[in-house]
C-alpha cells in the first residue's frame, strides 16, 4: 500500500534523525494521509480516496468534482 495522496501526489520525504550528540540516522517524513469517502452528486456515487489533510481542506473549499477535474486535467488520475 503506497503512501501517496491520490489528489496532490504528496509522498514520503527523507531526512535525518539528529540526536543530542549530533549523530545522524536516516528517517522518513510521511504525509498525513486519511482514507475518506466522498459523495459525487452528479453521478450519485461514493468514491474512496486516500488523501492528505491539505487535500481535504481543498475539497471542502472547492468541492470534490472541481478537484477531480483539476487532477484529471493535469493527468495524475
PDB file of N, CA and C in Angstrom:
ATOM      1  N   UNK A   1       0.842  -1.161   0.000  1.00  0.00           N
ATOM      2  CA  UNK A   1       0.000   0.000   0.000  1.00  0.00           C
ATOM      3  C   UNK A   1       0.895   1.234   0.000  1.00  0.00           C
ATOM      4  N   UNK A   2       0.850   2.015  -1.064  1.00  0.00           N
ATOM      5  CA  UNK A   2       1.726   3.167  -1.172  1.00  0.00           C
ATOM      6  C   UNK A   2       1.188   4.327  -0.346  1.00  0.00           C
ATOM      7  N   UNK A   3       2.090   5.131   0.149  1.00  0.00           N
ATOM      8  CA  UNK A   3       1.715   6.287   0.953  1.00  0.00           C
ATOM      9  C   UNK A   3       1.812   7.540   0.092  1.00  0.00           C
ATOM     10  N   UNK A   4       0.895   7.625  -0.877  1.00  0.00           N
ATOM     11  CA  UNK A   4       0.862   8.747  -1.805  1.00  0.00           C
ATOM     12  C   UNK A   4      -0.564   9.281  -1.834  1.00  0.00           C
ATOM     13  N   UNK A   5      -0.708  10.602  -1.793  1.00  0.00           N
ATOM     14  CA  UNK A   5      -2.023  11.229  -1.865  1.00  0.00           C
ATOM     15  C   UNK A   5      -2.574  11.080  -3.283  1.00  0.00           C
ATOM     16  N   UNK A   6      -3.847  10.675  -3.376  1.00  0.00           N
ATOM     17  CA  UNK A   6      -4.458  10.464  -4.688  1.00  0.00           C
ATOM     18  C   UNK A   6      -4.681  11.767  -5.445  1.00  0.00           C
ATOM     19  N   UNK A   7      -4.868  12.879  -4.750  1.00  0.00           N
ATOM     20  CA  UNK A   7      -5.153  14.147  -5.431  1.00  0.00           C
ATOM     21  C   UNK A   7      -3.918  15.012  -5.623  1.00  0.00           C
ATOM     22  N   UNK A   8      -3.126  15.185  -4.573  1.00  0.00           N
ATOM     23  CA  UNK A   8      -1.996  16.108  -4.669  1.00  0.00           C
ATOM     24  C   UNK A   8      -0.696  15.432  -5.075  1.00  0.00           C
ATOM     25  N   UNK A   9      -0.607  14.105  -4.895  1.00  0.00           N
ATOM     26  CA  UNK A   9       0.620  13.396  -5.229  1.00  0.00           C
ATOM     27  C   UNK A   9       1.689  13.506  -4.162  1.00  0.00           C
ATOM     28  N   UNK A  10       1.338  13.989  -2.970  1.00  0.00           N
ATOM     29  CA  UNK A  10       2.321  14.082  -1.896  1.00  0.00           C
ATOM     30  C   UNK A  10       2.780  12.693  -1.508  1.00  0.00           C
ATOM     31  N   UNK A  11       4.093  12.554  -1.249  1.00  0.00           N
ATOM     32  CA  UNK A  11       4.638  11.269  -0.830  1.00  0.00           C
ATOM     33  C   UNK A  11       5.721  11.497   0.214  1.00  0.00           C
ATOM     34  N   UNK A  12       6.310  10.418   0.684  1.00  0.00           N
ATOM     35  CA  UNK A  12       7.269  10.499   1.779  1.00  0.00           C
ATOM     36  C   UNK A  12       8.558  11.202   1.333  1.00  0.00           C
ATOM     37  N   UNK A  13       9.119  11.973   2.249  1.00  0.00           N
ATOM     38  CA  UNK A  13      10.412  12.614   2.052  1.00  0.00           C
ATOM     39  C   UNK A  13      11.428  11.958   2.973  1.00  0.00           C
ATOM     40  N   UNK A  14      12.705  12.091   2.672  1.00  0.00           N
ATOM     41  CA  UNK A  14      13.734  11.511   3.529  1.00  0.00           C
ATOM     42  C   UNK A  14      14.503  12.613   4.214  1.00  0.00           C
ATOM     43  N   UNK A  15      15.044  12.269   5.374  1.00  0.00           N
ATOM     44  CA  UNK A  15      15.833  13.224   6.142  1.00  0.00           C
ATOM     45  C   UNK A  15      16.629  12.481   7.191  1.00  0.00           C
ATOM     46  N   UNK A  16      17.020  13.178   8.232  1.00  0.00           N
ATOM     47  CA  UNK A  16      17.852  12.601   9.277  1.00  0.00           C
ATOM     48  C   UNK A  16      17.208  12.771  10.641  1.00  0.00           C
ATOM     49  N   UNK A  17      17.351  11.733  11.485  1.00  0.00           N
ATOM     50  CA  UNK A  17      17.152  11.898  12.917  1.00  0.00           C
ATOM     51  C   UNK A  17      18.464  12.447  13.451  1.00  0.00           C
ATOM     52  N   UNK A  18      18.422  13.506  14.215  1.00  0.00           N
ATOM     53  CA  UNK A  18      19.641  14.095  14.768  1.00  0.00           C
ATOM     54  C   UNK A  18      19.558  14.000  16.276  1.00  0.00           C
ATOM     55  N   UNK A  19      20.499  13.260  16.883  1.00  0.00           N
ATOM     56  CA  UNK A  19      20.498  13.074  18.325  1.00  0.00           C
ATOM     57  C   UNK A  19      21.179  14.260  19.006  1.00  0.00           C
ATOM     58  N   UNK A  20      21.158  14.226  20.327  1.00  0.00           N
ATOM     59  CA  UNK A  20      21.790  15.296  21.102  1.00  0.00           C
ATOM     60  C   UNK A  20      23.289  15.356  20.825  1.00  0.00           C
ATOM     61  N   UNK A  21      23.895  14.191  20.578  1.00  0.00           N
ATOM     62  CA  UNK A  21      25.324  14.155  20.269  1.00  0.00           C
ATOM     63  C   UNK A  21      25.605  14.427  18.796  1.00  0.00           C
ATOM     64  N   UNK A  22      24.552  14.808  18.046  1.00  0.00           N
ATOM     65  CA  UNK A  22      24.637  15.201  16.643  1.00  0.00           C
ATOM     66  C   UNK A  22      24.919  14.027  15.705  1.00  0.00           C
ATOM     67  N   UNK A  23      24.590  12.804  16.130  1.00  0.00           N
ATOM     68  CA  UNK A  23      24.669  11.660  15.232  1.00  0.00           C
ATOM     69  C   UNK A  23      23.449  11.693  14.327  1.00  0.00           C
ATOM     70  N   UNK A  24      23.637  11.299  13.075  1.00  0.00           N
ATOM     71  CA  UNK A  24      22.549  11.365  12.105  1.00  0.00           C
ATOM     72  C   UNK A  24      22.227   9.968  11.589  1.00  0.00           C
ATOM     73  N   UNK A  25      20.948   9.611  11.660  1.00  0.00           N
ATOM     74  CA  UNK A  25      20.477   8.359  11.086  1.00  0.00           C
ATOM     75  C   UNK A  25      19.301   8.687  10.180  1.00  0.00           C
ATOM     76  N   UNK A  26      19.159   7.902   9.132  1.00  0.00           N
ATOM     77  CA  UNK A  26      18.116   8.184   8.138  1.00  0.00           C
ATOM     78  C   UNK A  26      16.720   7.940   8.717  1.00  0.00           C
ATOM     79  N   UNK A  27      15.775   8.747   8.271  1.00  0.00           N
ATOM     80  CA  UNK A  27      14.370   8.584   8.629  1.00  0.00           C
ATOM     81  C   UNK A  27      13.515   9.050   7.478  1.00  0.00           C
ATOM     82  N   UNK A  28      12.206   8.812   7.576  1.00  0.00           N
ATOM     83  CA  UNK A  28      11.274   9.247   6.528  1.00  0.00           C
ATOM     84  C   UNK A  28      10.203  10.128   7.143  1.00  0.00           C
ATOM     85  N   UNK A  29       9.819  11.151   6.413  1.00  0.00           N
ATOM     86  CA  UNK A  29       8.726  12.040   6.801  1.00  0.00           C
ATOM     87  C   UNK A  29       7.525  11.682   5.932  1.00  0.00           C
ATOM     88  N   UNK A  30       6.479  11.116   6.553  1.00  0.00           N
ATOM     89  CA  UNK A  30       5.309  10.680   5.819  1.00  0.00           C
ATOM     90  C   UNK A  30       4.243  11.767   5.802  1.00  0.00           C
ATOM     91  N   UNK A  31       3.499  11.899   4.706  1.00  0.00           N
ATOM     92  CA  UNK A  31       2.395  12.862   4.687  1.00  0.00           C
ATOM     93  C   UNK A  31       1.246  12.354   5.554  1.00  0.00           C
ATOM     94  N   UNK A  32       0.424  13.273   6.019  1.00  0.00           N
ATOM     95  CA  UNK A  32      -0.716  12.937   6.864  1.00  0.00           C
ATOM     96  C   UNK A  32      -1.860  12.492   5.957  1.00  0.00           C
ATOM     97  N   UNK A  33      -1.926  11.184   5.683  1.00  0.00           N
ATOM     98  CA  UNK A  33      -2.921  10.648   4.752  1.00  0.00           C
ATOM     99  C   UNK A  33      -4.097  10.051   5.507  1.00  0.00           C
ATOM    100  N   UNK A  34      -5.279  10.282   4.986  1.00  0.00           N
ATOM    101  CA  UNK A  34      -6.518   9.749   5.536  1.00  0.00           C
ATOM    102  C   UNK A  34      -7.273   9.065   4.405  1.00  0.00           C
ATOM    103  N   UNK A  35      -7.904   7.935   4.723  1.00  0.00           N
ATOM    104  CA  UNK A  35      -8.767   7.285   3.751  1.00  0.00           C
ATOM    105  C   UNK A  35     -10.179   7.811   3.976  1.00  0.00           C
ATOM    106  N   UNK A  36     -10.744   8.460   2.972  1.00  0.00           N
ATOM    107  CA  UNK A  36     -12.003   9.166   3.148  1.00  0.00           C
ATOM    108  C   UNK A  36     -12.927   8.883   1.973  1.00  0.00           C
ATOM    109  N   UNK A  37     -14.224   8.784   2.270  1.00  0.00           N
ATOM    110  CA  UNK A  37     -15.242   8.576   1.239  1.00  0.00           C
ATOM    111  C   UNK A  37     -15.855   9.925   0.884  1.00  0.00           C
ATOM    112  N   UNK A  38     -16.027  10.138  -0.419  1.00  0.00           N
ATOM    113  CA  UNK A  38     -16.635  11.371  -0.911  1.00  0.00           C
ATOM    114  C   UNK A  38     -17.829  11.014  -1.776  1.00  0.00           C
ATOM    115  N   UNK A  39     -18.880  11.814  -1.683  1.00  0.00           N
ATOM    116  CA  UNK A  39     -20.079  11.622  -2.490  1.00  0.00           C
ATOM    117  C   UNK A  39     -20.023  12.567  -3.668  1.00  0.00           C
ATOM    118  N   UNK A  40     -20.197  12.018  -4.884  1.00  0.00           N
ATOM    119  CA  UNK A  40     -20.223  12.833  -6.090  1.00  0.00           C
ATOM    120  C   UNK A  40     -21.691  12.992  -6.491  1.00  0.00           C
ATOM    121  N   UNK A  41     -22.254  14.200  -6.318  1.00  0.00           N
ATOM    122  CA  UNK A  41     -23.689  14.377  -6.570  1.00  0.00           C
ATOM    123  C   UNK A  41     -24.085  14.226  -8.042  1.00  0.00           C
ATOM    124  N   UNK A  42     -23.189  14.524  -8.975  1.00  0.00           N
ATOM    125  CA  UNK A  42     -23.520  14.430 -10.389  1.00  0.00           C
ATOM    126  C   UNK A  42     -23.820  12.998 -10.812  1.00  0.00           C
ATOM    127  N   UNK A  43     -23.043  12.052 -10.273  1.00  0.00           N
ATOM    128  CA  UNK A  43     -23.233  10.653 -10.633  1.00  0.00           C
ATOM    129  C   UNK A  43     -24.001   9.876  -9.576  1.00  0.00           C
ATOM    130  N   UNK A  44     -24.121  10.433  -8.384  1.00  0.00           N
ATOM    131  CA  UNK A  44     -24.799   9.740  -7.292  1.00  0.00           C
ATOM    132  C   UNK A  44     -23.989   8.597  -6.714  1.00  0.00           C
ATOM    133  N   UNK A  45     -22.663   8.660  -6.823  1.00  0.00           N
ATOM    134  CA  UNK A  45     -21.789   7.592  -6.359  1.00  0.00           C
ATOM    135  C   UNK A  45     -20.907   8.052  -5.215  1.00  0.00           C
ATOM    136  N   UNK A  46     -20.470   7.103  -4.420  1.00  0.00           N
ATOM    137  CA  UNK A  46     -19.459   7.334  -3.396  1.00  0.00           C
ATOM    138  C   UNK A  46     -18.134   6.822  -3.931  1.00  0.00           C
ATOM    139  N   UNK A  47     -17.040   7.565  -3.683  1.00  0.00           N
ATOM    140  CA  UNK A  47     -15.701   7.094  -4.022  1.00  0.00           C
ATOM    141  C   UNK A  47     -14.837   7.175  -2.773  1.00  0.00           C
ATOM    142  N   UNK A  48     -13.896   6.261  -2.663  1.00  0.00           N
ATOM    143  CA  UNK A  48     -12.963   6.249  -1.542  1.00  0.00           C
ATOM    144  C   UNK A  48     -11.602   6.667  -2.060  1.00  0.00           C
ATOM    145  N   UNK A  49     -11.031   7.689  -1.442  1.00  0.00           N
ATOM    146  CA  UNK A  49      -9.723   8.193  -1.840  1.00  0.00           C
ATOM    147  C   UNK A  49      -8.805   8.239  -0.634  1.00  0.00           C
ATOM    148  N   UNK A  50      -7.519   8.043  -0.868  1.00  0.00           N
ATOM    149  CA  UNK A  50      -6.514   8.248   0.164  1.00  0.00           C
ATOM    150  C   UNK A  50      -5.922   9.632  -0.073  1.00  0.00           C
ATOM    151  N   UNK A  51      -6.303  10.598   0.751  1.00  0.00           N
ATOM    152  CA  UNK A  51      -5.935  11.991   0.527  1.00  0.00           C
ATOM    153  C   UNK A  51      -5.238  12.561   1.746  1.00  0.00           C
ATOM    154  N   UNK A  52      -4.392  13.558   1.522  1.00  0.00           N
ATOM    155  CA  UNK A  52      -3.739  14.269   2.608  1.00  0.00           C
ATOM    156  C   UNK A  52      -4.732  15.236   3.241  1.00  0.00           C
ATOM    157  N   UNK A  53      -4.429  15.680   4.441  1.00  0.00           N
ATOM    158  CA  UNK A  53      -5.341  16.588   5.131  1.00  0.00           C
ATOM    159  C   UNK A  53      -5.417  17.931   4.426  1.00  0.00           C
ATOM    160  N   UNK A  54      -4.346  18.336   3.764  1.00  0.00           N
ATOM    161  CA  UNK A  54      -4.411  19.581   2.999  1.00  0.00           C
ATOM    162  C   UNK A  54      -5.322  19.429   1.792  1.00  0.00           C
ATOM    163  N   UNK A  55      -5.365  18.228   1.203  1.00  0.00           N
ATOM    164  CA  UNK A  55      -6.274  17.980   0.087  1.00  0.00           C
ATOM    165  C   UNK A  55      -7.727  17.981   0.558  1.00  0.00           C
ATOM    166  N   UNK A  56      -7.976  17.500   1.781  1.00  0.00           N
ATOM    167  CA  UNK A  56      -9.332  17.532   2.336  1.00  0.00           C
ATOM    168  C   UNK A  56      -9.797  18.970   2.501  1.00  0.00           C
ATOM    169  N   UNK A  57      -8.899  19.843   2.938  1.00  0.00           N
ATOM    170  CA  UNK A  57      -9.243  21.265   3.079  1.00  0.00           C
ATOM    171  C   UNK A  57      -9.558  21.881   1.709  1.00  0.00           C
ATOM    172  N   UNK A  58      -8.801  21.497   0.691  1.00  0.00           N
ATOM    173  CA  UNK A  58      -9.055  21.999  -0.654  1.00  0.00           C
ATOM    174  C   UNK A  58     -10.391  21.502  -1.179  1.00  0.00           C
ATOM    175  N   UNK A  59     -10.729  20.240  -0.893  1.00  0.00           N
ATOM    176  CA  UNK A  59     -12.016  19.685  -1.308  1.00  0.00           C
ATOM    177  C   UNK A  59     -13.158  20.410  -0.609  1.00  0.00           C
ATOM    178  N   UNK A  60     -12.980  20.718   0.669  1.00  0.00           N
ATOM    179  CA  UNK A  60     -14.011  21.471   1.390  1.00  0.00           C
ATOM    180  C   UNK A  60     -14.210  22.858   0.797  1.00  0.00           C
ATOM    181  N   UNK A  61     -13.149  23.439   0.280  1.00  0.00           N
ATOM    182  CA  UNK A  61     -13.224  24.794  -0.268  1.00  0.00           C
ATOM    183  C   UNK A  61     -13.811  24.798  -1.680  1.00  0.00           C
ATOM    184  N   UNK A  62     -13.329  23.905  -2.559  1.00  0.00           N
ATOM    185  CA  UNK A  62     -13.706  23.943  -3.973  1.00  0.00           C
ATOM    186  C   UNK A  62     -14.809  22.953  -4.346  1.00  0.00           C
ATOM    187  N   UNK A  63     -14.886  21.842  -3.629  1.00  0.00           N
ATOM    188  CA  UNK A  63     -15.821  20.773  -3.977  1.00  0.00           C
ATOM    189  C   UNK A  63     -15.072  19.626  -4.623  1.00  0.00           C
ATOM    190  N   UNK A  64     -15.620  18.425  -4.458  1.00  0.00           N
ATOM    191  CA  UNK A  64     -14.933  17.224  -4.942  1.00  0.00           C
ATOM    192  C   UNK A  64     -14.879  17.173  -6.464  1.00  0.00           C
ATOM    193  N   UNK A  65     -15.937  17.607  -7.149  1.00  0.00           N
ATOM    194  CA  UNK A  65     -15.927  17.500  -8.610  1.00  0.00           C
ATOM    195  C   UNK A  65     -14.898  18.446  -9.224  1.00  0.00           C
ATOM    196  N   UNK A  66     -14.764  19.639  -8.669  1.00  0.00           N
ATOM    197  CA  UNK A  66     -13.773  20.598  -9.177  1.00  0.00           C
ATOM    198  C   UNK A  66     -12.361  20.069  -8.950  1.00  0.00           C
ATOM    199  N   UNK A  67     -12.099  19.473  -7.790  1.00  0.00           N
ATOM    200  CA  UNK A  67     -10.769  18.919  -7.512  1.00  0.00           C
ATOM    201  C   UNK A  67     -10.461  17.750  -8.433  1.00  0.00           C
ATOM    202  N   UNK A  68     -11.438  16.882  -8.655  1.00  0.00           N
ATOM    203  CA  UNK A  68     -11.220  15.759  -9.568  1.00  0.00           C
ATOM    204  C   UNK A  68     -10.987  16.236 -10.991  1.00  0.00           C
ATOM    205  N   UNK A  69     -11.706  17.269 -11.419  1.00  0.00           N
ATOM    206  CA  UNK A  69     -11.499  17.821 -12.753  1.00  0.00           C
ATOM    207  C   UNK A  69     -10.095  18.389 -12.909  1.00  0.00           C
ATOM    208  N   UNK A  70      -9.602  19.057 -11.873  1.00  0.00           N
ATOM    209  CA  UNK A  70      -8.240  19.613 -11.929  1.00  0.00           C
ATOM    210  C   UNK A  70      -7.196  18.512 -12.002  1.00  0.00           C
ATOM    211  N   UNK A  71      -7.399  17.423 -11.262  1.00  0.00           N
ATOM    212  CA  UNK A  71      -6.445  16.320 -11.273  1.00  0.00           C
ATOM    213  C   UNK A  71      -6.460  15.616 -12.621  1.00  0.00           C
ATOM    214  N   UNK A  72      -7.648  15.417 -13.177  1.00  0.00           N
ATOM    215  CA  UNK A  72      -7.760  14.759 -14.486  1.00  0.00           C
ATOM    216  C   UNK A  72      -7.133  15.629 -15.572  1.00  0.00           C
ATOM    217  N   UNK A  73      -7.318  16.956 -15.463  1.00  0.00           N
ATOM    218  CA  UNK A  73      -6.731  17.860 -16.447  1.00  0.00           C
ATOM    219  C   UNK A  73      -5.214  17.813 -16.421  1.00  0.00           C
ATOM    220  N   UNK A  74      -4.617  17.631 -15.209  1.00  0.00           N
ATOM    221  CA  UNK A  74      -3.164  17.529 -15.095  1.00  0.00           C
ATOM    222  C   UNK A  74      -2.662  16.156 -15.522  1.00  0.00           C
ATOM    223  N   UNK A  75      -3.556  15.177 -15.563  1.00  0.00           N
ATOM    224  CA  UNK A  75      -3.165  13.841 -15.994  1.00  0.00           C
ATOM    225  C   UNK A  75      -2.666  12.956 -14.886  1.00  0.00           C
ATOM    226  N   UNK A  76      -2.955  13.285 -13.616  1.00  0.00           N
ATOM    227  CA  UNK A  76      -2.482  12.473 -12.495  1.00  0.00           C
ATOM    228  C   UNK A  76      -3.400  11.312 -12.183  1.00  0.00           C
ATOM    229  N   UNK A  77      -4.686  11.441 -12.498  1.00  0.00           N
ATOM    230  CA  UNK A  77      -5.640  10.404 -12.117  1.00  0.00           C
ATOM    231  C   UNK A  77      -6.148   9.646 -13.327  1.00  0.00           C
TER     232      UNK A  77
END
